[in-house]
Structures are given as C-alpha cells and as structure tokens.
Amino acid sequence: MIGENLNKMYRPLPDCLTVAKSEIHGLGLFATESIRTGQDLGVAHVKISGFPQEYCRTPLGGFYNHSQEPNCTLVDGYKPNRIMVKHLFAIKDIRKGEEITCTYTLYDMGD
C-alpha cells in the first residue's frame, strides 16, 4: 500500500522540528514539540572528501543557527557502512517553539 510506504520514506527533518524565520539569522530550526535532554535529533553532517571542512550538511545541519549558549551539540558517529557522521543531540530540555542552536565547530560563520 502506498500509505504504508510513506512512513518509510526519507524525511529531511524529524517530526519534532520545523524551519522558520529566525531572530538570530535568516531561517532556523524550531521545536514543534518538547525535546528532552539527550534526544538524538538525527544526522546533521556527513563526512565526504571535497566538501568544505570535509563535511556535507544535511537539511538538519543546514538550518540550525550558532549560539555561544547552545541547546544542542554535535556528536561523532558512524553509519553502518563506516561513513563518519555527526549527530545533533539536545544538551538541554527544549520547549515547543524554541530555536535549535549549536556552537559552530565545522564551518566558519562566514561560510
């Protein structure tokens, strides 16, 4: 059934996040529901030679904004085929409507 297969399709963002206008800069990621400390929000970056700083941003990694007091952090990990990825994890409880932020470590903020 088509409806059954929709749940297995690629989703650029987890259901708990959306993209909206940010007061920090341009567009940002925002919580559509409460997010608990320690929750893995998904793969934000994939290591690929030839990309700036050797990482390609996923939609998740492309929309969070920088903060010196972030509510998320990047954690190294591997996909099953040994490709290096960086997951975005909540380091604080995040309220519905709150912007998702992380301290940039991979990209120069001028990029």
C-alpha atoms as a PDB file:
ATOM      1  CA  MET A   1       0.000   0.000   0.000  1.00  0.00           C
ATOM      2  CA  ILE A   2       1.216   3.498  -0.811  1.00  0.00           C
ATOM      3  CA  GLY A   3       0.235   4.878   2.607  1.00  0.00           C
ATOM      4  CA  GLU A   4       2.280   2.221   4.387  1.00  0.00           C
ATOM      5  CA  ASN A   5       5.369   3.080   2.318  1.00  0.00           C
ATOM      6  CA  LEU A   6       5.137   6.810   3.124  1.00  0.00           C
ATOM      7  CA  ASN A   7       6.266   6.132   6.696  1.00  0.00           C
ATOM      8  CA  LYS A   8       9.463   4.518   5.353  1.00  0.00           C
ATOM      9  CA  MET A   9      10.379   7.396   3.017  1.00  0.00           C
ATOM     10  CA  TYR A  10      13.284   9.751   3.658  1.00  0.00           C
ATOM     11  CA  ARG A  11      12.327  12.712   5.813  1.00  0.00           C
ATOM     12  CA  PRO A  12      14.715  15.697   5.763  1.00  0.00           C
ATOM     13  CA  LEU A  13      13.802  16.697   9.341  1.00  0.00           C
ATOM     14  CA  PRO A  14      12.438  14.765  12.300  1.00  0.00           C
ATOM     15  CA  ASP A  15       8.762  15.429  13.102  1.00  0.00           C
ATOM     16  CA  CYS A  16       9.786  17.391  16.221  1.00  0.00           C
ATOM     17  CA  LEU A  17      11.441  20.157  14.118  1.00  0.00           C
ATOM     18  CA  THR A  18      10.455  22.709  11.503  1.00  0.00           C
ATOM     19  CA  VAL A  19      12.191  25.523   9.605  1.00  0.00           C
ATOM     20  CA  ALA A  20      11.003  29.094  10.288  1.00  0.00           C
ATOM     21  CA  LYS A  21      12.212  32.707  10.332  1.00  0.00           C
ATOM     22  CA  SER A  22      14.889  33.216  12.976  1.00  0.00           C
ATOM     23  CA  GLU A  23      15.714  36.262  15.070  1.00  0.00           C
ATOM     24  CA  ILE A  24      19.331  35.005  15.151  1.00  0.00           C
ATOM     25  CA  HIS A  25      19.884  34.835  11.379  1.00  0.00           C
ATOM     26  CA  GLY A  26      17.669  34.174   8.351  1.00  0.00           C
ATOM     27  CA  LEU A  27      15.955  30.825   8.825  1.00  0.00           C
ATOM     28  CA  GLY A  28      16.409  28.452  11.743  1.00  0.00           C
ATOM     29  CA  LEU A  29      15.206  25.161  13.211  1.00  0.00           C
ATOM     30  CA  PHE A  30      12.430  25.282  15.783  1.00  0.00           C
ATOM     31  CA  ALA A  31      10.940  22.640  18.056  1.00  0.00           C
ATOM     32  CA  THR A  32       7.363  21.645  17.174  1.00  0.00           C
ATOM     33  CA  GLU A  33       7.131  19.727  20.463  1.00  0.00           C
ATOM     34  CA  SER A  34       9.138  19.455  23.678  1.00  0.00           C
ATOM     35  CA  ILE A  35      12.557  17.835  23.240  1.00  0.00           C
ATOM     36  CA  ARG A  36      14.301  16.167  26.179  1.00  0.00           C
ATOM     37  CA  THR A  37      17.972  16.448  27.112  1.00  0.00           C
ATOM     38  CA  GLY A  38      19.925  13.699  25.354  1.00  0.00           C
ATOM     39  CA  GLN A  39      17.498  13.260  22.447  1.00  0.00           C
ATOM     40  CA  ASP A  40      19.239  12.456  19.138  1.00  0.00           C
ATOM     41  CA  LEU A  41      17.717  14.773  16.535  1.00  0.00           C
ATOM     42  CA  GLY A  42      19.442  12.989  13.652  1.00  0.00           C
ATOM     43  CA  VAL A  43      22.394  13.210  11.269  1.00  0.00           C
ATOM     44  CA  ALA A  44      23.450  16.828  10.732  1.00  0.00           C
ATOM     45  CA  HIS A  45      26.695  16.299   8.778  1.00  0.00           C
ATOM     46  CA  VAL A  46      28.214  13.523   6.641  1.00  0.00           C
ATOM     47  CA  LYS A  47      31.969  13.289   6.019  1.00  0.00           C
ATOM     48  CA  ILE A  48      32.635  13.499   2.263  1.00  0.00           C
ATOM     49  CA  SER A  49      36.032  14.400   0.796  1.00  0.00           C
ATOM     50  CA  GLY A  50      35.931  17.526  -1.329  1.00  0.00           C
ATOM     51  CA  PHE A  51      33.274  19.361   0.692  1.00  0.00           C
ATOM     52  CA  PRO A  52      34.200  22.405   2.839  1.00  0.00           C
ATOM     53  CA  GLN A  53      35.839  21.126   6.037  1.00  0.00           C
ATOM     54  CA  GLU A  54      35.271  17.614   4.545  1.00  0.00           C
ATOM     55  CA  TYR A  55      31.602  17.549   5.676  1.00  0.00           C
ATOM     56  CA  CYS A  56      28.325  17.918   3.791  1.00  0.00           C
ATOM     57  CA  ARG A  57      25.405  19.380   5.724  1.00  0.00           C
ATOM     58  CA  THR A  58      22.086  17.570   5.732  1.00  0.00           C
ATOM     59  CA  PRO A  59      18.871  19.642   5.936  1.00  0.00           C
ATOM     60  CA  LEU A  60      19.148  19.246   9.722  1.00  0.00           C
ATOM     61  CA  GLY A  61      22.728  20.568   9.701  1.00  0.00           C
ATOM     62  CA  GLY A  62      21.961  23.332   7.243  1.00  0.00           C
ATOM     63  CA  PHE A  63      19.336  25.156   9.291  1.00  0.00           C
ATOM     64  CA  TYR A  64      20.424  25.288  12.935  1.00  0.00           C
ATOM     65  CA  ASN A  65      21.943  28.609  13.968  1.00  0.00           C
ATOM     66  CA  HIS A  66      25.052  29.374  16.013  1.00  0.00           C
ATOM     67  CA  SER A  67      24.943  30.266  19.701  1.00  0.00           C
ATOM     68  CA  GLN A  68      27.569  30.632  22.418  1.00  0.00           C
ATOM     69  CA  GLU A  69      24.888  29.210  24.772  1.00  0.00           C
ATOM     70  CA  PRO A  70      23.539  26.361  22.602  1.00  0.00           C
ATOM     71  CA  ASN A  71      20.812  23.860  23.423  1.00  0.00           C
ATOM     72  CA  CYS A  72      22.359  21.175  21.155  1.00  0.00           C
ATOM     73  CA  THR A  73      25.787  19.749  20.326  1.00  0.00           C
ATOM     74  CA  LEU A  74      27.331  17.655  17.570  1.00  0.00           C
ATOM     75  CA  VAL A  75      28.483  14.122  18.395  1.00  0.00           C
ATOM     76  CA  ASP A  76      30.649  11.946  16.122  1.00  0.00           C
ATOM     77  CA  GLY A  77      29.253   8.630  14.972  1.00  0.00           C
ATOM     78  CA  TYR A  78      29.331   6.112  12.147  1.00  0.00           C
ATOM     79  CA  LYS A  79      26.677   4.844   9.769  1.00  0.00           C
ATOM     80  CA  PRO A  80      26.590   1.050   9.280  1.00  0.00           C
ATOM     81  CA  ASN A  81      28.844   1.329   6.188  1.00  0.00           C
ATOM     82  CA  ARG A  82      31.518   3.133   8.292  1.00  0.00           C
ATOM     83  CA  ILE A  83      30.792   6.603   6.902  1.00  0.00           C
ATOM     84  CA  MET A  84      31.584   9.244   9.530  1.00  0.00           C
ATOM     85  CA  VAL A  85      28.575  11.363  10.509  1.00  0.00           C
ATOM     86  CA  LYS A  86      27.797  13.963  13.144  1.00  0.00           C
ATOM     87  CA  HIS A  87      24.518  13.680  15.045  1.00  0.00           C
ATOM     88  CA  LEU A  88      22.775  16.673  16.625  1.00  0.00           C
ATOM     89  CA  PHE A  89      21.889  15.976  20.278  1.00  0.00           C
ATOM     90  CA  ALA A  90      19.883  18.126  22.705  1.00  0.00           C
ATOM     91  CA  ILE A  91      22.034  19.115  25.698  1.00  0.00           C
ATOM     92  CA  LYS A  92      19.146  20.882  27.446  1.00  0.00           C
ATOM     93  CA  ASP A  93      15.394  20.401  27.576  1.00  0.00           C
ATOM     94  CA  ILE A  94      13.962  22.403  24.659  1.00  0.00           C
ATOM     95  CA  ARG A  95      10.459  23.878  24.789  1.00  0.00           C
ATOM     96  CA  LYS A  96       7.990  23.776  21.898  1.00  0.00           C
ATOM     97  CA  GLY A  97       8.655  26.864  19.732  1.00  0.00           C
ATOM     98  CA  GLU A  98      12.266  27.297  20.920  1.00  0.00           C
ATOM     99  CA  GLU A  99      15.007  27.681  18.300  1.00  0.00           C
ATOM    100  CA  ILE A 100      17.573  24.883  17.977  1.00  0.00           C
ATOM    101  CA  THR A 101      21.129  26.196  18.333  1.00  0.00           C
ATOM    102  CA  CYS A 102      24.623  24.736  18.346  1.00  0.00           C
ATOM    103  CA  THR A 103      28.119  26.213  18.575  1.00  0.00           C
ATOM    104  CA  TYR A 104      29.616  26.061  15.084  1.00  0.00           C
ATOM    105  CA  THR A 105      32.663  23.838  15.057  1.00  0.00           C
ATOM    106  CA  LEU A 106      32.760  22.635  11.436  1.00  0.00           C
ATOM    107  CA  TYR A 107      32.120  25.810   9.486  1.00  0.00           C
ATOM    108  CA  ASP A 108      33.404  29.342   9.596  1.00  0.00           C
ATOM    109  CA  MET A 109      30.360  31.511  10.359  1.00  0.00           C
ATOM    110  CA  GLY A 110      31.199  33.494   7.221  1.00  0.00           C
ATOM    111  CA  ASP A 111      30.546  30.388   5.046  1.00  0.00           C
END
